[in-house]
């Protein structure tokens, strides 16, 4: 069955949105990498501290993911704005 013009256009729009998201992810990753490198170069952040923190956050996310499998409420990292 041949997709209708509307369905085909929806697919084109979806692919364009995915391309935009990829570009945004690339730019954000590049900016974050540059920021981390600058912090390390200036001696503000030690690579070991960064790796330890990211590993800890990843472990927490795995725990939260397991909790979500058994609990209907969602838990995620959020920025404390207090």
N, C-alpha and C. Protein backbone atom coordinates (compact mmCIF):
# COMPACT_ATOMS: atom_id res chain seq x y z
N UNK A 1 0.84 -1.18 0.00
CA UNK A 1 0.00 0.00 0.00
C UNK A 1 0.88 1.24 0.00
N UNK A 2 0.62 2.15 -0.89
CA UNK A 2 1.38 3.38 -1.03
C UNK A 2 0.92 4.39 0.02
N UNK A 3 1.88 5.02 0.76
CA UNK A 3 1.46 6.00 1.78
C UNK A 3 0.80 7.21 1.13
N UNK A 4 -0.16 7.76 1.83
CA UNK A 4 -0.82 8.96 1.33
C UNK A 4 0.15 10.13 1.38
N UNK A 5 -0.19 11.19 0.67
CA UNK A 5 0.67 12.36 0.66
C UNK A 5 0.87 12.90 2.07
N UNK A 6 -0.20 12.92 2.85
CA UNK A 6 -0.13 13.42 4.22
C UNK A 6 0.79 12.54 5.07
N UNK A 7 0.66 11.22 4.93
CA UNK A 7 1.50 10.30 5.69
C UNK A 7 2.97 10.45 5.27
N UNK A 8 3.21 10.59 3.99
CA UNK A 8 4.58 10.77 3.50
C UNK A 8 5.16 12.08 4.04
N UNK A 9 4.36 13.14 4.03
CA UNK A 9 4.83 14.43 4.55
C UNK A 9 5.12 14.34 6.04
N UNK A 10 4.30 13.62 6.78
CA UNK A 10 4.53 13.41 8.21
C UNK A 10 5.86 12.70 8.44
N UNK A 11 6.16 11.74 7.60
CA UNK A 11 7.44 11.03 7.72
C UNK A 11 8.61 11.96 7.44
N UNK A 12 8.48 12.81 6.44
CA UNK A 12 9.53 13.78 6.12
C UNK A 12 9.74 14.72 7.31
N UNK A 13 8.66 15.20 7.88
CA UNK A 13 8.76 16.10 9.04
C UNK A 13 9.41 15.40 10.23
N UNK A 14 9.05 14.15 10.45
CA UNK A 14 9.64 13.38 11.54
C UNK A 14 11.14 13.21 11.34
N UNK A 15 11.53 12.89 10.12
CA UNK A 15 12.97 12.73 9.82
C UNK A 15 13.71 14.05 10.01
N UNK A 16 13.09 15.16 9.64
CA UNK A 16 13.71 16.48 9.83
C UNK A 16 13.88 16.78 11.32
N UNK A 17 12.88 16.43 12.11
CA UNK A 17 12.98 16.65 13.55
C UNK A 17 14.10 15.81 14.15
N UNK A 18 14.23 14.57 13.69
CA UNK A 18 15.32 13.71 14.17
C UNK A 18 16.67 14.31 13.80
N UNK A 19 16.80 14.83 12.59
CA UNK A 19 18.05 15.46 12.16
C UNK A 19 18.35 16.68 13.04
N UNK A 20 17.33 17.46 13.35
CA UNK A 20 17.52 18.62 14.23
C UNK A 20 17.99 18.18 15.62
N UNK A 21 17.40 17.11 16.13
CA UNK A 21 17.80 16.61 17.45
C UNK A 21 19.24 16.11 17.44
N UNK A 22 19.64 15.45 16.36
CA UNK A 22 21.02 14.99 16.25
C UNK A 22 21.99 16.16 16.26
N UNK A 23 21.65 17.21 15.52
CA UNK A 23 22.49 18.41 15.48
C UNK A 23 22.57 19.05 16.85
N UNK A 24 21.45 19.14 17.53
CA UNK A 24 21.41 19.72 18.87
C UNK A 24 22.25 18.88 19.84
N UNK A 25 22.12 17.57 19.76
CA UNK A 25 22.92 16.69 20.62
C UNK A 25 24.40 16.87 20.36
N UNK A 26 24.79 16.97 19.09
CA UNK A 26 26.19 17.17 18.75
C UNK A 26 26.71 18.48 19.33
N UNK A 27 25.96 19.56 19.16
CA UNK A 27 26.39 20.87 19.67
C UNK A 27 26.48 20.87 21.20
N UNK A 28 25.51 20.26 21.86
CA UNK A 28 25.54 20.20 23.33
C UNK A 28 26.71 19.35 23.82
N UNK A 29 26.97 18.24 23.15
CA UNK A 29 28.10 17.39 23.51
C UNK A 29 29.42 18.12 23.32
N UNK A 30 29.54 18.84 22.22
CA UNK A 30 30.75 19.61 21.94
C UNK A 30 30.97 20.69 23.01
N UNK A 31 29.91 21.41 23.35
CA UNK A 31 30.01 22.47 24.36
C UNK A 31 30.38 21.88 25.71
N UNK A 32 29.76 20.78 26.08
CA UNK A 32 30.06 20.14 27.36
C UNK A 32 31.50 19.64 27.40
N UNK A 33 31.96 19.05 26.32
CA UNK A 33 33.34 18.57 26.25
C UNK A 33 34.33 19.72 26.39
N UNK A 34 34.06 20.82 25.70
CA UNK A 34 34.93 22.00 25.79
C UNK A 34 34.95 22.55 27.22
N UNK A 35 33.79 22.61 27.84
CA UNK A 35 33.71 23.12 29.21
C UNK A 35 34.49 22.24 30.18
N UNK A 36 34.35 20.95 30.05
CA UNK A 36 35.07 20.02 30.93
C UNK A 36 36.57 20.16 30.72
N UNK A 37 36.99 20.22 29.46
CA UNK A 37 38.42 20.37 29.17
C UNK A 37 38.97 21.67 29.76
N UNK A 38 38.23 22.76 29.64
CA UNK A 38 38.68 24.03 30.22
C UNK A 38 38.79 23.95 31.74
N UNK A 39 37.81 23.33 32.38
CA UNK A 39 37.85 23.19 33.84
C UNK A 39 39.04 22.35 34.28
N UNK A 40 39.35 21.31 33.52
CA UNK A 40 40.51 20.47 33.85
C UNK A 40 41.80 21.25 33.61
N UNK A 41 41.90 21.94 32.46
CA UNK A 41 43.11 22.71 32.14
C UNK A 41 43.39 23.78 33.19
N UNK A 42 42.35 24.40 33.72
CA UNK A 42 42.52 25.47 34.71
C UNK A 42 42.71 24.93 36.13
N UNK A 43 42.65 23.62 36.28
CA UNK A 43 42.85 23.01 37.58
C UNK A 43 41.64 23.11 38.50
N UNK A 44 40.49 23.45 37.95
CA UNK A 44 39.28 23.58 38.75
C UNK A 44 38.64 22.21 38.98
N UNK A 45 38.81 21.33 38.02
CA UNK A 45 38.21 20.00 38.07
C UNK A 45 39.27 18.96 37.76
N UNK A 46 39.37 17.96 38.61
CA UNK A 46 40.28 16.84 38.35
C UNK A 46 39.53 15.79 37.54
N UNK A 47 40.17 15.22 36.52
CA UNK A 47 39.49 14.20 35.72
C UNK A 47 38.93 13.06 36.58
N UNK A 48 39.66 12.70 37.62
CA UNK A 48 39.21 11.61 38.49
C UNK A 48 37.89 11.97 39.18
N UNK A 49 37.79 13.24 39.62
CA UNK A 49 36.55 13.68 40.27
C UNK A 49 35.38 13.63 39.29
N UNK A 50 35.63 14.06 38.06
CA UNK A 50 34.59 14.03 37.04
C UNK A 50 34.14 12.60 36.78
N UNK A 51 35.09 11.69 36.60
CA UNK A 51 34.74 10.29 36.32
C UNK A 51 34.02 9.65 37.50
N UNK A 52 34.45 9.97 38.71
CA UNK A 52 33.81 9.43 39.91
C UNK A 52 32.35 9.92 40.00
N UNK A 53 32.16 11.21 39.74
CA UNK A 53 30.81 11.78 39.82
C UNK A 53 29.89 11.19 38.74
N UNK A 54 30.38 11.10 37.51
CA UNK A 54 29.54 10.55 36.45
C UNK A 54 29.22 9.08 36.70
N UNK A 55 30.18 8.32 37.21
CA UNK A 55 29.92 6.91 37.53
C UNK A 55 28.86 6.80 38.63
N UNK A 56 28.95 7.67 39.63
CA UNK A 56 27.96 7.67 40.71
C UNK A 56 26.57 8.01 40.20
N UNK A 57 26.47 9.02 39.34
CA UNK A 57 25.18 9.39 38.77
C UNK A 57 24.60 8.26 37.91
N UNK A 58 25.47 7.59 37.18
CA UNK A 58 25.01 6.48 36.35
C UNK A 58 24.47 5.34 37.22
N UNK A 59 25.16 5.05 38.32
CA UNK A 59 24.67 4.01 39.24
C UNK A 59 23.31 4.41 39.82
N UNK A 60 23.17 5.68 40.20
CA UNK A 60 21.88 6.15 40.73
C UNK A 60 20.78 6.02 39.69
N UNK A 61 21.10 6.37 38.45
CA UNK A 61 20.10 6.26 37.38
C UNK A 61 19.66 4.81 37.19
N UNK A 62 20.61 3.88 37.31
CA UNK A 62 20.25 2.46 37.17
C UNK A 62 19.32 2.04 38.30
N UNK A 63 19.58 2.52 39.52
CA UNK A 63 18.71 2.21 40.65
C UNK A 63 17.32 2.79 40.41
N UNK A 64 17.26 4.05 39.97
CA UNK A 64 15.97 4.68 39.69
C UNK A 64 15.23 3.96 38.57
N UNK A 65 15.96 3.50 37.56
CA UNK A 65 15.33 2.77 36.46
C UNK A 65 14.72 1.47 36.99
N UNK A 66 15.44 0.79 37.87
CA UNK A 66 14.90 -0.43 38.47
C UNK A 66 13.67 -0.11 39.30
N UNK A 67 13.71 1.01 40.03
CA UNK A 67 12.56 1.38 40.85
C UNK A 67 11.35 1.66 39.97
N UNK A 68 11.56 2.31 38.83
CA UNK A 68 10.45 2.64 37.94
C UNK A 68 9.79 1.40 37.38
N UNK A 69 10.56 0.34 37.24
CA UNK A 69 9.98 -0.90 36.73
C UNK A 69 8.93 -1.45 37.69
N UNK A 70 9.13 -1.17 38.99
CA UNK A 70 8.23 -1.72 40.00
C UNK A 70 7.32 -0.67 40.61
N UNK A 71 7.52 0.59 40.27
CA UNK A 71 6.75 1.68 40.86
C UNK A 71 6.21 2.56 39.75
N UNK A 72 4.99 2.98 39.85
CA UNK A 72 4.40 3.81 38.79
C UNK A 72 4.89 5.25 38.83
N UNK A 73 5.40 5.70 39.98
CA UNK A 73 5.91 7.07 40.06
C UNK A 73 7.29 7.14 39.40
N UNK A 74 7.64 8.31 38.88
CA UNK A 74 8.93 8.46 38.21
C UNK A 74 9.86 9.28 39.09
N UNK A 75 11.12 8.90 39.05
CA UNK A 75 12.16 9.60 39.78
C UNK A 75 13.26 9.92 38.80
N UNK A 76 13.75 11.13 38.80
CA UNK A 76 14.85 11.51 37.92
C UNK A 76 15.68 12.58 38.58
N UNK A 77 16.85 12.83 38.03
CA UNK A 77 17.69 13.89 38.54
C UNK A 77 17.08 15.23 38.18
N UNK A 78 17.13 16.13 39.11
CA UNK A 78 16.67 17.47 38.80
C UNK A 78 17.62 18.45 39.48
N UNK A 79 17.64 19.64 38.98
CA UNK A 79 18.50 20.67 39.54
C UNK A 79 17.81 21.25 40.76
N UNK A 80 18.53 21.29 41.88
CA UNK A 80 17.99 21.88 43.08
C UNK A 80 18.10 23.40 42.94
N UNK A 81 16.99 24.08 42.90
CA UNK A 81 16.99 25.51 42.66
C UNK A 81 16.86 26.30 43.95
N UNK A 82 17.07 25.65 45.09
CA UNK A 82 16.94 26.39 46.36
C UNK A 82 18.22 27.08 46.73
